[in-house]
Amino acid sequence: MKAFKSDILGRKGETDVKNILAEYGLPSLHDIVLPTRSGNPTQIDHVALTPLGILVVETKHLRGRLSGDVRNDYWQQTLPGGWSEKIYSPLRQNAGHCAAVYEIVRHIDPGIQTLSRIVMTGPAEVAPGLFSVVQTRDTFAQELKSLRNNSVSELLQHAWDRLTEAAKRYEGLRKGTTLSPFA
């Protein structure tokens, strides 16, 4: 039951971020699967085309208090009542997602930026040591608002088109189909 509830809350958070991306009119893909360099699949919550580069978003819908160090592989989630658990760093998780995206778009131009964003949609209190890498829905929306009227370069658009094609091509990874990672 706990896993089911967690899945529902996670999907709610992902829907919130999807709606924010739509509100600011950014071309975006949601819940895509791409191969990693090793060929294993990785599920990415959101990618969006911005004038600055390809935005790769990891959404977390957590409660309690989140603490840790941005350099660590694991962070601490402390829930009301004092129960706590280690969670894999969303920053590390999204670094893997960014690497998978970059592996696809780097062929267009190795200078294309993949921009990592961690967006917290739940009521979790985030420790000050994580403020530099974690955004709320509001701060994420403010960032997107600042990009609203800027144009996307032809090079970035070409990279986005390649990423969109790859997301379609690798959809079979979600279903357990074995594909050549960089066909």
N, C-alpha and C. Protein backbone atom coordinates (compact mmCIF):
# COMPACT_ATOMS: atom_id res chain seq x y z
N MET A 1 0.82 -1.20 0.00
CA MET A 1 0.00 0.00 0.00
C MET A 1 0.87 1.26 0.00
N LYS A 2 1.97 1.22 0.77
CA LYS A 2 2.88 2.37 0.84
C LYS A 2 3.45 2.69 -0.54
N ALA A 3 3.88 1.66 -1.27
CA ALA A 3 4.45 1.85 -2.60
C ALA A 3 3.40 2.40 -3.57
N PHE A 4 2.18 1.93 -3.45
CA PHE A 4 1.08 2.41 -4.30
C PHE A 4 0.82 3.89 -4.06
N LYS A 5 0.75 4.28 -2.78
CA LYS A 5 0.52 5.68 -2.42
C LYS A 5 1.68 6.55 -2.91
N SER A 6 2.89 6.07 -2.75
CA SER A 6 4.07 6.79 -3.20
C SER A 6 4.03 7.00 -4.71
N ASP A 7 3.62 5.97 -5.45
CA ASP A 7 3.53 6.06 -6.90
C ASP A 7 2.49 7.11 -7.32
N ILE A 8 1.35 7.13 -6.65
CA ILE A 8 0.30 8.10 -6.96
C ILE A 8 0.79 9.52 -6.70
N LEU A 9 1.45 9.73 -5.55
CA LEU A 9 1.95 11.06 -5.23
C LEU A 9 3.04 11.48 -6.21
N GLY A 10 3.89 10.54 -6.61
CA GLY A 10 4.93 10.83 -7.59
C GLY A 10 4.33 11.26 -8.91
N ARG A 11 3.28 10.57 -9.34
CA ARG A 11 2.61 10.93 -10.59
C ARG A 11 1.95 12.30 -10.49
N LYS A 12 1.42 12.63 -9.31
CA LYS A 12 0.83 13.95 -9.12
C LYS A 12 1.89 15.03 -9.29
N GLY A 13 3.05 14.81 -8.69
CA GLY A 13 4.15 15.76 -8.83
C GLY A 13 4.59 15.90 -10.27
N GLU A 14 4.68 14.79 -10.98
CA GLU A 14 5.08 14.84 -12.38
C GLU A 14 4.03 15.57 -13.22
N THR A 15 2.76 15.40 -12.89
CA THR A 15 1.70 16.13 -13.59
C THR A 15 1.82 17.62 -13.32
N ASP A 16 2.13 17.99 -12.09
CA ASP A 16 2.31 19.41 -11.77
C ASP A 16 3.41 20.03 -12.63
N VAL A 17 4.55 19.34 -12.74
CA VAL A 17 5.66 19.86 -13.53
C VAL A 17 5.30 19.88 -15.02
N LYS A 18 4.63 18.86 -15.48
CA LYS A 18 4.18 18.82 -16.88
C LYS A 18 3.29 20.03 -17.18
N ASN A 19 2.39 20.36 -16.26
CA ASN A 19 1.50 21.50 -16.45
C ASN A 19 2.27 22.82 -16.44
N ILE A 20 3.29 22.94 -15.62
CA ILE A 20 4.11 24.16 -15.59
C ILE A 20 4.83 24.32 -16.93
N LEU A 21 5.41 23.24 -17.43
CA LEU A 21 6.09 23.30 -18.73
C LEU A 21 5.11 23.72 -19.83
N ALA A 22 3.91 23.17 -19.79
CA ALA A 22 2.89 23.52 -20.79
C ALA A 22 2.47 24.99 -20.66
N GLU A 23 2.34 25.45 -19.43
CA GLU A 23 1.93 26.84 -19.19
C GLU A 23 2.90 27.82 -19.83
N TYR A 24 4.19 27.50 -19.82
CA TYR A 24 5.18 28.40 -20.39
C TYR A 24 5.53 28.07 -21.83
N GLY A 25 4.78 27.15 -22.42
CA GLY A 25 4.87 26.89 -23.85
C GLY A 25 6.17 26.25 -24.32
N LEU A 26 6.86 25.56 -23.42
CA LEU A 26 8.10 24.92 -23.84
C LEU A 26 7.82 23.56 -24.46
N PRO A 27 8.41 23.28 -25.62
CA PRO A 27 8.29 21.92 -26.16
C PRO A 27 8.87 20.96 -25.12
N SER A 28 8.14 19.91 -24.82
CA SER A 28 8.61 19.00 -23.78
C SER A 28 8.15 17.57 -24.05
N LEU A 29 8.91 16.66 -23.46
CA LEU A 29 8.59 15.24 -23.49
C LEU A 29 8.53 14.78 -22.04
N HIS A 30 7.67 13.81 -21.77
CA HIS A 30 7.45 13.38 -20.40
C HIS A 30 7.54 11.86 -20.29
N ASP A 31 8.14 11.42 -19.19
CA ASP A 31 8.23 9.99 -18.89
C ASP A 31 8.83 9.22 -20.06
N ILE A 32 10.02 9.64 -20.47
CA ILE A 32 10.67 8.96 -21.58
C ILE A 32 11.73 7.99 -21.05
N VAL A 33 12.09 7.05 -21.87
CA VAL A 33 13.13 6.08 -21.53
C VAL A 33 14.21 6.17 -22.60
N LEU A 34 15.44 6.33 -22.13
CA LEU A 34 16.60 6.36 -23.03
C LEU A 34 17.65 5.39 -22.51
N PRO A 35 18.52 4.94 -23.39
CA PRO A 35 19.60 4.06 -22.93
C PRO A 35 20.71 4.89 -22.29
N THR A 36 21.37 4.32 -21.31
CA THR A 36 22.56 4.94 -20.75
C THR A 36 23.74 4.50 -21.61
N ARG A 37 24.90 5.02 -21.30
CA ARG A 37 26.10 4.64 -22.05
C ARG A 37 26.35 3.14 -21.99
N SER A 38 25.98 2.52 -20.86
CA SER A 38 26.17 1.08 -20.72
C SER A 38 25.08 0.28 -21.43
N GLY A 39 24.06 0.98 -21.95
CA GLY A 39 22.98 0.31 -22.66
C GLY A 39 21.77 0.01 -21.79
N ASN A 40 21.87 0.24 -20.49
CA ASN A 40 20.72 0.04 -19.60
C ASN A 40 19.74 1.19 -19.75
N PRO A 41 18.45 0.93 -19.62
CA PRO A 41 17.47 2.01 -19.76
C PRO A 41 17.43 2.90 -18.52
N THR A 42 17.14 4.18 -18.74
CA THR A 42 16.89 5.11 -17.65
C THR A 42 15.62 5.88 -17.97
N GLN A 43 14.76 6.02 -16.96
CA GLN A 43 13.48 6.71 -17.14
C GLN A 43 13.66 8.16 -16.71
N ILE A 44 13.27 9.07 -17.58
CA ILE A 44 13.43 10.51 -17.33
C ILE A 44 12.05 11.13 -17.22
N ASP A 45 11.84 11.88 -16.13
CA ASP A 45 10.52 12.48 -15.89
C ASP A 45 10.14 13.47 -16.98
N HIS A 46 11.04 14.43 -17.25
CA HIS A 46 10.72 15.48 -18.23
C HIS A 46 11.99 15.96 -18.92
N VAL A 47 11.88 16.28 -20.19
CA VAL A 47 12.90 17.03 -20.90
C VAL A 47 12.17 18.15 -21.65
N ALA A 48 12.82 19.30 -21.72
CA ALA A 48 12.18 20.44 -22.39
C ALA A 48 13.24 21.22 -23.17
N LEU A 49 12.80 21.81 -24.24
CA LEU A 49 13.66 22.64 -25.08
C LEU A 49 13.58 24.07 -24.58
N THR A 50 14.73 24.64 -24.22
CA THR A 50 14.79 26.04 -23.80
C THR A 50 15.83 26.75 -24.65
N PRO A 51 15.83 28.06 -24.65
CA PRO A 51 16.85 28.80 -25.39
C PRO A 51 18.26 28.55 -24.87
N LEU A 52 18.39 28.07 -23.64
CA LEU A 52 19.70 27.83 -23.05
C LEU A 52 20.24 26.43 -23.30
N GLY A 53 19.36 25.50 -23.61
CA GLY A 53 19.75 24.11 -23.83
C GLY A 53 18.59 23.18 -23.54
N ILE A 54 18.91 21.90 -23.39
CA ILE A 54 17.88 20.90 -23.10
C ILE A 54 17.77 20.77 -21.58
N LEU A 55 16.60 21.06 -21.08
CA LEU A 55 16.32 20.99 -19.65
C LEU A 55 15.91 19.56 -19.30
N VAL A 56 16.57 18.96 -18.31
CA VAL A 56 16.29 17.60 -17.88
C VAL A 56 15.81 17.70 -16.43
N VAL A 57 14.55 17.31 -16.20
CA VAL A 57 13.92 17.56 -14.90
C VAL A 57 13.61 16.25 -14.19
N GLU A 58 14.08 16.16 -12.96
CA GLU A 58 13.72 15.06 -12.05
C GLU A 58 12.74 15.64 -11.04
N THR A 59 11.57 15.05 -10.97
CA THR A 59 10.53 15.50 -10.06
C THR A 59 10.49 14.61 -8.83
N LYS A 60 10.41 15.22 -7.67
CA LYS A 60 10.29 14.47 -6.42
C LYS A 60 9.12 15.05 -5.63
N HIS A 61 8.26 14.16 -5.18
CA HIS A 61 7.12 14.56 -4.35
C HIS A 61 7.34 13.91 -2.98
N LEU A 62 8.04 14.63 -2.13
CA LEU A 62 8.42 14.09 -0.83
C LEU A 62 7.80 14.91 0.29
N ARG A 63 7.80 14.32 1.47
CA ARG A 63 7.33 15.03 2.66
C ARG A 63 8.40 14.89 3.73
N GLY A 64 8.21 15.57 4.84
CA GLY A 64 9.19 15.52 5.92
C GLY A 64 10.29 16.54 5.68
N ARG A 65 11.50 16.17 6.04
CA ARG A 65 12.66 17.06 5.88
C ARG A 65 13.71 16.33 5.05
N LEU A 66 14.23 17.02 4.07
CA LEU A 66 15.25 16.47 3.20
C LEU A 66 16.57 17.17 3.51
N SER A 67 17.58 16.37 3.82
CA SER A 67 18.89 16.95 4.13
C SER A 67 19.97 16.13 3.47
N GLY A 68 21.14 16.68 3.44
CA GLY A 68 22.27 15.99 2.83
C GLY A 68 23.26 16.97 2.29
N ASP A 69 24.18 16.45 1.54
CA ASP A 69 25.23 17.25 0.92
C ASP A 69 25.16 17.00 -0.58
N VAL A 70 25.28 18.04 -1.37
CA VAL A 70 25.16 17.90 -2.81
C VAL A 70 26.22 16.97 -3.39
N ARG A 71 27.30 16.74 -2.66
CA ARG A 71 28.39 15.87 -3.13
C ARG A 71 28.15 14.40 -2.81
N ASN A 72 27.15 14.11 -1.97
CA ASN A 72 26.93 12.73 -1.52
C ASN A 72 25.99 11.96 -2.45
N ASP A 73 26.17 10.64 -2.45
CA ASP A 73 25.31 9.77 -3.25
C ASP A 73 23.92 9.60 -2.64
N TYR A 74 23.82 9.77 -1.32
CA TYR A 74 22.54 9.58 -0.64
C TYR A 74 22.21 10.80 0.21
N TRP A 75 20.92 11.12 0.27
CA TRP A 75 20.41 12.18 1.12
C TRP A 75 19.53 11.53 2.18
N GLN A 76 19.15 12.29 3.16
CA GLN A 76 18.34 11.79 4.27
C GLN A 76 16.94 12.40 4.21
N GLN A 77 15.94 11.56 4.26
CA GLN A 77 14.57 12.03 4.37
C GLN A 77 14.08 11.66 5.77
N THR A 78 13.74 12.68 6.56
CA THR A 78 13.25 12.46 7.92
C THR A 78 11.77 12.80 7.94
N LEU A 79 10.97 11.84 8.35
CA LEU A 79 9.52 12.01 8.36
C LEU A 79 9.04 12.42 9.75
N PRO A 80 7.82 12.97 9.83
CA PRO A 80 7.27 13.29 11.14
C PRO A 80 7.31 12.05 12.04
N GLY A 81 7.64 12.26 13.28
CA GLY A 81 7.76 11.14 14.20
C GLY A 81 9.20 10.65 14.33
N GLY A 82 10.09 11.24 13.51
CA GLY A 82 11.50 10.92 13.61
C GLY A 82 12.00 9.79 12.75
N TRP A 83 11.11 9.06 12.05
CA TRP A 83 11.55 7.96 11.20
C TRP A 83 12.30 8.56 10.01
N SER A 84 13.42 7.97 9.65
CA SER A 84 14.17 8.50 8.51
C SER A 84 14.71 7.37 7.65
N GLU A 85 15.02 7.73 6.42
CA GLU A 85 15.60 6.78 5.49
C GLU A 85 16.52 7.52 4.54
N LYS A 86 17.47 6.78 4.00
CA LYS A 86 18.34 7.33 2.99
C LYS A 86 17.66 7.18 1.64
N ILE A 87 17.77 8.22 0.82
CA ILE A 87 17.26 8.14 -0.55
C ILE A 87 18.42 8.46 -1.49
N TYR A 88 18.41 7.82 -2.64
CA TYR A 88 19.45 8.10 -3.61
C TYR A 88 19.34 9.57 -4.01
N SER A 89 20.45 10.24 -4.07
CA SER A 89 20.48 11.67 -4.41
C SER A 89 19.78 11.93 -5.74
N PRO A 90 18.72 12.74 -5.73
CA PRO A 90 18.08 13.10 -7.00
C PRO A 90 19.05 13.82 -7.94
N LEU A 91 20.03 14.50 -7.35
CA LEU A 91 21.03 15.18 -8.16
C LEU A 91 21.88 14.16 -8.93
N ARG A 92 22.30 13.10 -8.26
CA ARG A 92 23.07 12.03 -8.91
C ARG A 92 22.19 11.30 -9.94
N GLN A 93 20.95 11.05 -9.55
CA GLN A 93 20.01 10.38 -10.44
C GLN A 93 19.86 11.18 -11.73
N ASN A 94 19.68 12.48 -11.60
CA ASN A 94 19.46 13.30 -12.78
C ASN A 94 20.74 13.50 -13.58
N ALA A 95 21.89 13.39 -12.95
CA ALA A 95 23.15 13.46 -13.69
C ALA A 95 23.20 12.31 -14.71
N GLY A 96 22.72 11.14 -14.31
CA GLY A 96 22.64 10.02 -15.24
C GLY A 96 21.67 10.29 -16.38
N HIS A 97 20.57 10.93 -16.06
CA HIS A 97 19.59 11.29 -17.09
C HIS A 97 20.20 12.29 -18.08
N CYS A 98 20.89 13.29 -17.53
CA CYS A 98 21.52 14.30 -18.39
C CYS A 98 22.55 13.66 -19.31
N ALA A 99 23.31 12.71 -18.78
CA ALA A 99 24.32 12.01 -19.59
C ALA A 99 23.66 11.25 -20.74
N ALA A 100 22.51 10.62 -20.47
CA ALA A 100 21.80 9.88 -21.52
C ALA A 100 21.29 10.83 -22.60
N VAL A 101 20.77 11.97 -22.19
CA VAL A 101 20.30 12.97 -23.16
C VAL A 101 21.49 13.51 -23.96
N TYR A 102 22.56 13.85 -23.27
CA TYR A 102 23.74 14.40 -23.94
C TYR A 102 24.31 13.41 -24.97
N GLU A 103 24.29 12.14 -24.63
CA GLU A 103 24.83 11.13 -25.54
C GLU A 103 24.09 11.17 -26.89
N ILE A 104 22.85 11.56 -26.87
CA ILE A 104 22.06 11.64 -28.11
C ILE A 104 22.27 12.97 -28.82
N VAL A 105 22.31 14.09 -28.09
CA VAL A 105 22.38 15.40 -28.75
C VAL A 105 23.80 15.87 -29.05
N ARG A 106 24.80 15.26 -28.44
CA ARG A 106 26.18 15.71 -28.64
C ARG A 106 26.63 15.55 -30.09
N HIS A 107 25.98 14.68 -30.83
CA HIS A 107 26.35 14.47 -32.23
C HIS A 107 25.97 15.67 -33.09
N ILE A 108 25.02 16.45 -32.62
CA ILE A 108 24.65 17.68 -33.33
C ILE A 108 25.72 18.73 -33.08
N ASP A 109 26.10 18.88 -31.80
CA ASP A 109 27.15 19.82 -31.40
C ASP A 109 27.54 19.47 -29.97
N PRO A 110 28.80 19.19 -29.71
CA PRO A 110 29.21 18.82 -28.36
C PRO A 110 29.05 19.95 -27.34
N GLY A 111 28.82 21.16 -27.81
CA GLY A 111 28.63 22.29 -26.90
C GLY A 111 27.19 22.46 -26.40
N ILE A 112 26.28 21.63 -26.86
CA ILE A 112 24.88 21.73 -26.41
C ILE A 112 24.80 21.43 -24.92
N GLN A 113 24.11 22.27 -24.21
CA GLN A 113 23.98 22.14 -22.77
C GLN A 113 22.80 21.25 -22.39
N THR A 114 23.02 20.35 -21.43
CA THR A 114 21.91 19.66 -20.78
C THR A 114 21.85 20.25 -19.38
N LEU A 115 20.74 20.81 -19.04
CA LEU A 115 20.56 21.55 -17.80
C LEU A 115 19.77 20.72 -16.80
N SER A 116 20.37 20.38 -15.69
CA SER A 116 19.73 19.54 -14.68
C SER A 116 18.90 20.38 -13.72
N ARG A 117 17.66 19.94 -13.50
CA ARG A 117 16.80 20.59 -12.51
C ARG A 117 16.13 19.51 -11.67
N ILE A 118 16.14 19.73 -10.36
CA ILE A 118 15.43 18.87 -9.41
C ILE A 118 14.29 19.73 -8.88
N VAL A 119 13.05 19.27 -9.10
CA VAL A 119 11.88 20.04 -8.68
C VAL A 119 11.12 19.25 -7.62
N MET A 120 10.99 19.85 -6.44
CA MET A 120 10.23 19.25 -5.34
C MET A 120 8.80 19.76 -5.41
N THR A 121 7.87 18.84 -5.52
CA THR A 121 6.46 19.23 -5.60
C THR A 121 5.70 18.92 -4.32
N GLY A 122 6.28 18.16 -3.44
CA GLY A 122 5.63 17.79 -2.19
C GLY A 122 5.93 18.81 -1.09
N PRO A 123 5.42 18.54 0.09
CA PRO A 123 5.59 19.49 1.19
C PRO A 123 6.91 19.35 1.95
N ALA A 124 7.89 18.66 1.40
CA ALA A 124 9.15 18.45 2.10
C ALA A 124 9.85 19.78 2.38
N GLU A 125 10.42 19.87 3.56
CA GLU A 125 11.28 20.99 3.92
C GLU A 125 12.67 20.62 3.45
N VAL A 126 13.29 21.49 2.71
CA VAL A 126 14.61 21.21 2.15
C VAL A 126 15.66 21.94 2.98
N ALA A 127 16.67 21.21 3.44
CA ALA A 127 17.74 21.80 4.24
C ALA A 127 18.51 22.83 3.41
N PRO A 128 19.01 23.88 4.06
CA PRO A 128 19.73 24.94 3.34
C PRO A 128 20.87 24.44 2.46
N GLY A 129 21.54 23.36 2.84
CA GLY A 129 22.64 22.84 2.05
C GLY A 129 22.22 22.32 0.68
N LEU A 130 20.92 22.14 0.46
CA LEU A 130 20.43 21.63 -0.82
C LEU A 130 19.73 22.70 -1.65
N PHE A 131 19.59 23.92 -1.08
CA PHE A 131 18.89 24.99 -1.80
C PHE A 131 19.46 25.26 -3.19
N SER A 132 20.77 25.10 -3.35
CA SER A 132 21.39 25.44 -4.62
C SER A 132 21.03 24.47 -5.75
N VAL A 133 20.51 23.28 -5.41
CA VAL A 133 20.24 22.29 -6.45
C VAL A 133 18.78 21.82 -6.49
N VAL A 134 17.96 22.30 -5.57
CA VAL A 134 16.56 21.88 -5.50
C VAL A 134 15.66 23.10 -5.70
N GLN A 135 14.68 22.95 -6.57
CA GLN A 135 13.71 24.02 -6.79
C GLN A 135 12.33 23.57 -6.33
N THR A 136 11.51 24.54 -5.98
CA THR A 136 10.10 24.28 -5.72
C THR A 136 9.35 24.49 -7.03
N ARG A 137 8.06 24.17 -7.03
CA ARG A 137 7.25 24.46 -8.21
C ARG A 137 7.34 25.94 -8.57
N ASP A 138 7.27 26.80 -7.54
CA ASP A 138 7.27 28.25 -7.78
C ASP A 138 8.59 28.74 -8.37
N THR A 139 9.72 28.31 -7.81
CA THR A 139 11.00 28.79 -8.33
C THR A 139 11.26 28.23 -9.73
N PHE A 140 10.78 27.02 -9.98
CA PHE A 140 10.89 26.44 -11.32
C PHE A 140 10.07 27.25 -12.31
N ALA A 141 8.85 27.59 -11.94
CA ALA A 141 7.99 28.39 -12.81
C ALA A 141 8.60 29.77 -13.07
N GLN A 142 9.20 30.37 -12.06
CA GLN A 142 9.85 31.68 -12.25
C GLN A 142 10.99 31.59 -13.24
N GLU A 143 11.78 30.51 -13.15
CA GLU A 143 12.88 30.34 -14.10
C GLU A 143 12.33 30.22 -15.53
N LEU A 144 11.29 29.42 -15.70
CA LEU A 144 10.72 29.25 -17.04
C LEU A 144 10.13 30.55 -17.56
N LYS A 145 9.52 31.31 -16.68
CA LYS A 145 8.94 32.60 -17.07
C LYS A 145 10.03 33.52 -17.63
N SER A 146 11.21 33.48 -17.04
CA SER A 146 12.30 34.34 -17.49
C SER A 146 12.80 33.95 -18.89
N LEU A 147 12.51 32.72 -19.31
CA LEU A 147 12.95 32.24 -20.62
C LEU A 147 11.88 32.40 -21.70
N ARG A 148 10.71 32.81 -21.29
CA ARG A 148 9.51 32.77 -22.14
C ARG A 148 9.68 33.40 -23.51
N ASN A 149 10.24 34.58 -23.62
CA ASN A 149 10.27 35.31 -24.89
C ASN A 149 11.58 35.19 -25.64
N ASN A 150 12.42 34.27 -25.25
CA ASN A 150 13.70 34.08 -25.94
C ASN A 150 13.55 33.01 -27.01
N SER A 151 14.30 33.17 -28.09
CA SER A 151 14.19 32.20 -29.18
C SER A 151 15.22 31.09 -29.03
N VAL A 152 14.93 29.98 -29.67
CA VAL A 152 15.78 28.80 -29.66
C VAL A 152 16.60 28.79 -30.95
N SER A 153 17.88 28.51 -30.82
CA SER A 153 18.74 28.47 -32.01
C SER A 153 18.36 27.30 -32.91
N GLU A 154 18.75 27.42 -34.16
CA GLU A 154 18.50 26.34 -35.12
C GLU A 154 19.22 25.06 -34.69
N LEU A 155 20.41 25.22 -34.15
CA LEU A 155 21.20 24.09 -33.68
C LEU A 155 20.49 23.35 -32.54
N LEU A 156 19.97 24.11 -31.57
CA LEU A 156 19.22 23.50 -30.46
C LEU A 156 17.95 22.83 -30.96
N GLN A 157 17.28 23.46 -31.90
CA GLN A 157 16.07 22.84 -32.47
C GLN A 157 16.41 21.51 -33.15
N HIS A 158 17.51 21.47 -33.84
CA HIS A 158 17.95 20.23 -34.49
C HIS A 158 18.25 19.15 -33.44
N ALA A 159 18.91 19.55 -32.35
CA ALA A 159 19.20 18.60 -31.26
C ALA A 159 17.90 18.10 -30.64
N TRP A 160 16.94 19.00 -30.47
CA TRP A 160 15.64 18.62 -29.90
C TRP A 160 14.95 17.60 -30.81
N ASP A 161 14.98 17.85 -32.10
CA ASP A 161 14.36 16.92 -33.04
C ASP A 161 15.00 15.54 -32.95
N ARG A 162 16.31 15.51 -32.81
CA ARG A 162 17.03 14.23 -32.67
C ARG A 162 16.61 13.53 -31.37
N LEU A 163 16.49 14.29 -30.29
CA LEU A 163 16.08 13.72 -29.01
C LEU A 163 14.66 13.18 -29.08
N THR A 164 13.77 13.91 -29.72
CA THR A 164 12.39 13.46 -29.88
C THR A 164 12.32 12.15 -30.66
N GLU A 165 13.09 12.06 -31.73
CA GLU A 165 13.14 10.82 -32.51
C GLU A 165 13.68 9.67 -31.68
N ALA A 166 14.72 9.94 -30.89
CA ALA A 166 15.31 8.90 -30.04
C ALA A 166 14.31 8.42 -28.99
N ALA A 167 13.57 9.34 -28.41
CA ALA A 167 12.58 8.96 -27.39
C ALA A 167 11.54 8.01 -27.99
N LYS A 168 11.14 8.27 -29.21
CA LYS A 168 10.19 7.37 -29.88
C LYS A 168 10.84 6.02 -30.18
N ARG A 169 12.07 6.08 -30.68
CA ARG A 169 12.78 4.85 -31.06
C ARG A 169 13.05 3.95 -29.86
N TYR A 170 13.34 4.53 -28.72
CA TYR A 170 13.70 3.75 -27.54
C TYR A 170 12.52 3.45 -26.61
N GLU A 171 11.32 3.77 -27.04
CA GLU A 171 10.15 3.48 -26.20
C GLU A 171 10.09 2.00 -25.84
N GLY A 172 10.58 1.14 -26.70
CA GLY A 172 10.58 -0.29 -26.43
C GLY A 172 11.41 -0.68 -25.22
N LEU A 173 12.35 0.16 -24.81
CA LEU A 173 13.14 -0.14 -23.61
C LEU A 173 12.26 -0.22 -22.37
N ARG A 174 11.19 0.53 -22.36
CA ARG A 174 10.25 0.52 -21.24
C ARG A 174 9.58 -0.85 -21.12
N LYS A 175 9.35 -1.48 -22.24
CA LYS A 175 8.63 -2.75 -22.25
C LYS A 175 9.58 -3.94 -22.15
N GLY A 176 10.87 -3.67 -21.97
CA GLY A 176 11.83 -4.76 -21.81
C GLY A 176 12.43 -5.24 -23.11
N THR A 177 12.13 -4.55 -24.21
CA THR A 177 12.71 -4.93 -25.48
C THR A 177 14.19 -4.57 -25.48
N THR A 178 15.01 -5.43 -26.01
CA THR A 178 16.43 -5.16 -26.10
C THR A 178 16.70 -4.48 -27.44
N LEU A 179 17.27 -3.29 -27.34
CA LEU A 179 17.62 -2.54 -28.55
C LEU A 179 19.09 -2.20 -28.50
N SER A 180 19.67 -2.00 -29.65
CA SER A 180 21.04 -1.50 -29.69
C SER A 180 21.01 -0.10 -29.12
N PRO A 181 21.85 0.25 -28.15
CA PRO A 181 21.72 1.52 -27.45
C PRO A 181 21.86 2.75 -28.33
N PHE A 182 22.70 2.71 -29.35
CA PHE A 182 22.90 3.94 -30.13
C PHE A 182 22.73 3.68 -31.60
N ALA A 183 21.62 3.05 -31.92
CA ALA A 183 21.32 2.74 -33.33
C ALA A 183 21.07 4.01 -34.11
